[in-house]
Amino acid sequence: MTDLDPISVNVDEYLGLNKYEVDEAHAHVTLADDPDPAEFAKLVRVCPAGLYKLSATGDRTFDYAGCLVCGTCRIVAGGGIVTTWEYPRPTMGVEYRYG
């Protein structure tokens, strides 16, 4: 477990305005099987969509379905625990609405 302050920003209302077409057959972001906890904690802090989650018991979860395709995780942990990062296939991924 880490000693990070809790995240106080909630952007769910704004993210709900976007439209997502999830490619169930092809994940465009994949992680290492057993990611380093410290590296994973970095992703929890920087992902603007909040896709990396750390529970109170230390369980780590990740779901690419709401990915904003910003590349932040690739920059922060590329070559480490983020083993694959690519743009979604055509007609898949996020469609930004209202800004």
Protein backbone atom coordinates (compact mmCIF):
# COMPACT_ATOMS: atom_id res chain seq x y z
CA MET A 1 0.00 0.00 0.00
CA THR A 2 1.19 3.55 -0.65
CA ASP A 3 1.04 6.70 1.45
CA LEU A 4 -0.59 8.87 -1.22
CA ASP A 5 -3.26 11.42 -0.44
CA PRO A 6 -6.72 10.43 -1.69
CA ILE A 7 -7.76 11.69 -5.11
CA SER A 8 -10.27 14.49 -4.64
CA VAL A 9 -11.06 15.37 -8.26
CA ASN A 10 -14.13 13.72 -9.79
CA VAL A 11 -14.46 14.06 -13.54
CA ASP A 12 -17.07 11.34 -14.06
CA GLU A 13 -19.77 13.87 -15.02
CA TYR A 14 -17.59 15.28 -17.80
CA LEU A 15 -16.34 11.92 -18.99
CA GLY A 16 -19.94 10.76 -19.24
CA LEU A 17 -20.45 13.21 -22.10
CA ASN A 18 -18.01 11.29 -24.30
CA LYS A 19 -19.02 8.35 -26.45
CA TYR A 20 -16.95 5.16 -26.32
CA GLU A 21 -16.89 2.33 -28.82
CA VAL A 22 -15.09 -0.47 -26.99
CA ASP A 23 -13.18 -3.00 -29.07
CA GLU A 24 -13.85 -6.12 -26.99
CA ALA A 25 -11.69 -8.29 -29.27
CA HIS A 26 -8.56 -6.13 -29.17
CA ALA A 27 -7.30 -4.25 -26.10
CA HIS A 28 -5.24 -1.27 -27.21
CA VAL A 29 -3.59 -0.97 -23.78
CA THR A 30 -2.23 -3.99 -21.93
CA LEU A 31 -0.29 -4.29 -18.69
CA ALA A 32 2.33 -6.69 -17.40
CA ASP A 33 0.93 -9.72 -15.59
CA ASP A 34 2.25 -8.68 -12.18
CA PRO A 35 2.82 -4.90 -12.30
CA ASP A 36 5.14 -3.25 -9.81
CA PRO A 37 2.96 -1.65 -7.08
CA ALA A 38 4.88 1.63 -7.10
CA GLU A 39 4.62 1.95 -10.88
CA PHE A 40 0.92 1.08 -10.77
CA ALA A 41 0.39 3.76 -8.11
CA LYS A 42 1.83 6.32 -10.54
CA LEU A 43 -0.78 5.35 -13.12
CA VAL A 44 -3.56 5.64 -10.54
CA ARG A 45 -2.48 9.24 -9.98
CA VAL A 46 -2.00 10.36 -13.59
CA CYS A 47 -4.76 8.67 -15.63
CA PRO A 48 -7.32 11.41 -16.37
CA ALA A 49 -10.06 8.82 -16.92
CA GLY A 50 -9.33 7.02 -13.63
CA LEU A 51 -8.97 3.63 -15.31
CA TYR A 52 -6.27 2.41 -12.95
CA LYS A 53 -7.69 1.72 -9.50
CA LEU A 54 -6.18 0.68 -6.20
CA SER A 55 -8.59 -0.60 -3.54
CA ALA A 56 -8.21 -0.10 0.20
CA THR A 57 -7.02 -3.72 0.43
CA GLY A 58 -4.33 -3.15 -2.22
CA ASP A 59 -6.09 -4.88 -5.11
CA ARG A 60 -5.18 -3.36 -8.48
CA THR A 61 -7.63 -3.12 -11.38
CA PHE A 62 -7.42 -1.69 -14.87
CA ASP A 63 -10.03 -1.42 -17.63
CA TYR A 64 -9.22 0.09 -21.01
CA ALA A 65 -12.90 0.56 -21.91
CA GLY A 66 -13.09 4.26 -20.97
CA CYS A 67 -9.64 5.18 -22.28
CA LEU A 68 -9.25 8.77 -23.50
CA VAL A 69 -6.28 7.74 -25.72
CA CYS A 70 -4.20 10.57 -24.25
CA GLY A 71 -1.02 8.49 -23.93
CA THR A 72 -0.26 9.55 -20.36
CA CYS A 73 0.19 5.95 -19.18
CA ARG A 74 2.50 5.27 -22.11
CA ILE A 75 4.69 8.20 -21.13
CA VAL A 76 4.69 7.49 -17.40
CA ALA A 77 5.13 3.70 -17.53
CA GLY A 78 5.84 2.76 -21.13
CA GLY A 79 8.44 0.03 -21.43
CA GLY A 80 7.63 -0.99 -17.87
CA ILE A 81 4.22 -2.19 -16.77
CA VAL A 82 2.41 -0.84 -19.85
CA THR A 83 3.41 -3.54 -22.31
CA THR A 84 1.20 -2.42 -25.20
CA TRP A 85 -0.14 1.00 -26.08
CA GLU A 86 -1.54 1.70 -29.52
CA TYR A 87 -4.34 3.72 -30.98
CA PRO A 88 -7.69 1.91 -31.15
CA ARG A 89 -8.67 0.45 -34.48
CA PRO A 90 -10.79 2.60 -36.84
CA THR A 91 -14.27 3.50 -35.52
CA MET A 92 -13.22 2.31 -32.03
CA GLY A 93 -12.21 4.27 -28.96
CA VAL A 94 -13.39 7.62 -27.66
CA GLU A 95 -15.47 10.20 -29.49
CA TYR A 96 -15.22 13.52 -27.69
CA ARG A 97 -18.39 15.54 -27.31
CA TYR A 98 -18.97 19.08 -26.07
CA GLY A 99 -15.36 20.17 -25.98
